[in-house]
Amino acid sequence: MELNSRSVADGKITILEISGRIDAYEVKPVKEWLTEITKISDPNILVNLSNVNFIDSTGLAALVQGMKHCRQRGGNLRLYGLQQPVQTIFELTRLDMAFEIFVQEDEAINAFVN
């Protein structure tokens, strides 16, 4: 798994790009990154899952925890670019109802800005 992050919208939004699988063996860096970034005030995070081909319950739990921490600090965590197998997992677990999920990055950025 590979993680890359960058800021957009004058540093008000942080995008986390994840490549590979998010499973019990690979989730630790994601959890650590989310824990660190959600320590700031008003953390607004977009997670790009377009290069993730599998996510298990530990990966889902890490994203839910990240969203919870963001909201507790006055921000939010949104997702975009889900491949069909990952989208199906979100639908089966009904987490598609908990997260705001977008197809394109620009749509997700606009949801924070507007």
Protein backbone atom coordinates (compact mmCIF):
# COMPACT_ATOMS: atom_id res chain seq x y z
CA MET A 1 0.00 0.00 0.00
CA GLU A 2 1.11 3.54 -0.72
CA LEU A 3 -0.05 6.81 0.90
CA ASN A 4 0.36 10.32 -0.49
CA SER A 5 -1.17 13.52 0.80
CA ARG A 6 -1.55 17.03 -0.51
CA SER A 7 -3.46 20.18 0.37
CA VAL A 8 -5.94 22.07 -1.79
CA ALA A 9 -8.24 25.09 -1.36
CA ASP A 10 -5.53 27.21 0.25
CA GLY A 11 -4.63 24.43 2.67
CA LYS A 12 -8.17 24.05 4.01
CA ILE A 13 -8.63 20.53 2.60
CA THR A 14 -6.18 17.64 2.82
CA ILE A 15 -6.40 14.88 0.25
CA LEU A 16 -5.14 11.43 1.18
CA GLU A 17 -4.47 9.23 -1.83
CA ILE A 18 -4.28 5.53 -1.06
CA SER A 19 -3.10 2.84 -3.47
CA GLY A 20 -3.39 -0.92 -3.00
CA ARG A 21 -5.31 -2.86 -0.39
CA ILE A 22 -6.56 -1.57 2.94
CA ASP A 23 -6.68 -4.63 5.13
CA ALA A 24 -5.54 -5.79 8.57
CA TYR A 25 -1.96 -6.14 7.35
CA GLU A 26 -1.78 -2.73 5.67
CA VAL A 27 -4.08 -0.47 7.72
CA LYS A 28 -1.59 0.78 10.32
CA PRO A 29 -0.14 3.67 8.23
CA VAL A 30 -3.66 4.84 7.34
CA LYS A 31 -4.70 4.85 11.00
CA GLU A 32 -1.53 6.68 12.05
CA TRP A 33 -1.93 9.30 9.29
CA LEU A 34 -5.61 9.91 10.16
CA THR A 35 -4.81 10.14 13.89
CA GLU A 36 -2.12 12.75 13.24
CA ILE A 37 -4.06 14.88 10.74
CA THR A 38 -7.23 14.93 12.83
CA LYS A 39 -5.37 16.61 15.70
CA ILE A 40 -5.64 19.95 13.88
CA SER A 41 -8.64 22.24 14.25
CA ASP A 42 -11.37 21.83 11.62
CA PRO A 43 -9.77 18.92 9.73
CA ASN A 44 -11.35 18.52 6.30
CA ILE A 45 -10.11 15.36 4.63
CA LEU A 46 -10.83 13.81 1.26
CA VAL A 47 -9.78 10.21 0.83
CA ASN A 48 -9.10 9.18 -2.75
CA LEU A 49 -9.88 5.47 -3.06
CA SER A 50 -9.62 5.26 -6.85
CA ASN A 51 -6.50 3.08 -6.61
CA VAL A 52 -7.81 0.85 -3.80
CA ASN A 53 -9.04 -2.51 -5.04
CA PHE A 54 -9.95 -4.05 -1.65
CA ILE A 55 -10.91 -2.87 1.82
CA ASP A 56 -11.75 -5.07 4.80
CA SER A 57 -13.41 -4.37 8.15
CA THR A 58 -10.22 -2.96 9.68
CA GLY A 59 -9.90 -0.50 6.80
CA LEU A 60 -13.55 0.49 7.14
CA ALA A 61 -13.09 0.94 10.89
CA ALA A 62 -10.08 3.21 10.33
CA LEU A 63 -12.08 5.43 7.96
CA VAL A 64 -15.06 5.55 10.35
CA GLN A 65 -12.75 6.49 13.23
CA GLY A 66 -11.13 9.18 11.08
CA MET A 67 -14.54 10.60 10.17
CA LYS A 68 -15.56 10.58 13.85
CA HIS A 69 -12.40 12.45 14.88
CA CYS A 70 -12.84 14.99 12.08
CA ARG A 71 -16.42 15.72 13.10
CA GLN A 72 -15.46 16.02 16.77
CA ARG A 73 -12.94 18.72 15.79
CA GLY A 74 -15.39 20.63 13.55
CA GLY A 75 -14.37 19.12 10.21
CA ASN A 76 -15.40 16.21 8.04
CA LEU A 77 -14.02 13.27 6.07
CA ARG A 78 -15.39 12.45 2.63
CA LEU A 79 -14.52 9.79 0.08
CA TYR A 80 -14.24 9.74 -3.68
CA GLY A 81 -13.25 7.55 -6.60
CA LEU A 82 -14.43 4.19 -5.26
CA GLN A 83 -13.87 1.23 -7.59
CA GLN A 84 -16.87 -1.09 -7.95
CA PRO A 85 -15.63 -3.81 -5.53
CA VAL A 86 -14.94 -1.19 -2.84
CA GLN A 87 -18.27 0.57 -3.54
CA THR A 88 -20.03 -2.78 -3.10
CA ILE A 89 -18.40 -3.29 0.32
CA PHE A 90 -19.58 0.15 1.42
CA GLU A 91 -23.11 -0.65 0.21
CA LEU A 92 -23.21 -4.09 1.88
CA THR A 93 -22.08 -2.60 5.20
CA ARG A 94 -24.39 0.39 4.68
CA LEU A 95 -21.46 2.73 5.24
CA ASP A 96 -22.43 4.44 2.00
CA MET A 97 -25.15 6.02 4.18
CA ALA A 98 -22.63 7.29 6.75
CA PHE A 99 -20.04 8.74 4.37
CA GLU A 100 -20.48 11.34 1.69
CA ILE A 101 -19.10 9.58 -1.38
CA PHE A 102 -18.27 11.37 -4.62
CA VAL A 103 -17.20 10.17 -8.05
CA GLN A 104 -14.81 13.02 -8.89
CA GLU A 105 -12.33 14.99 -6.79
CA ASP A 106 -13.71 18.36 -7.88
CA GLU A 107 -17.22 17.40 -6.70
CA ALA A 108 -15.86 16.44 -3.30
CA ILE A 109 -13.82 19.65 -2.99
CA ASN A 110 -16.89 21.71 -3.92
CA ALA A 111 -18.88 19.98 -1.17
CA PHE A 112 -16.41 21.42 1.37
CA VAL A 113 -16.20 24.85 -0.23
CA ASN A 114 -19.92 25.45 -0.75
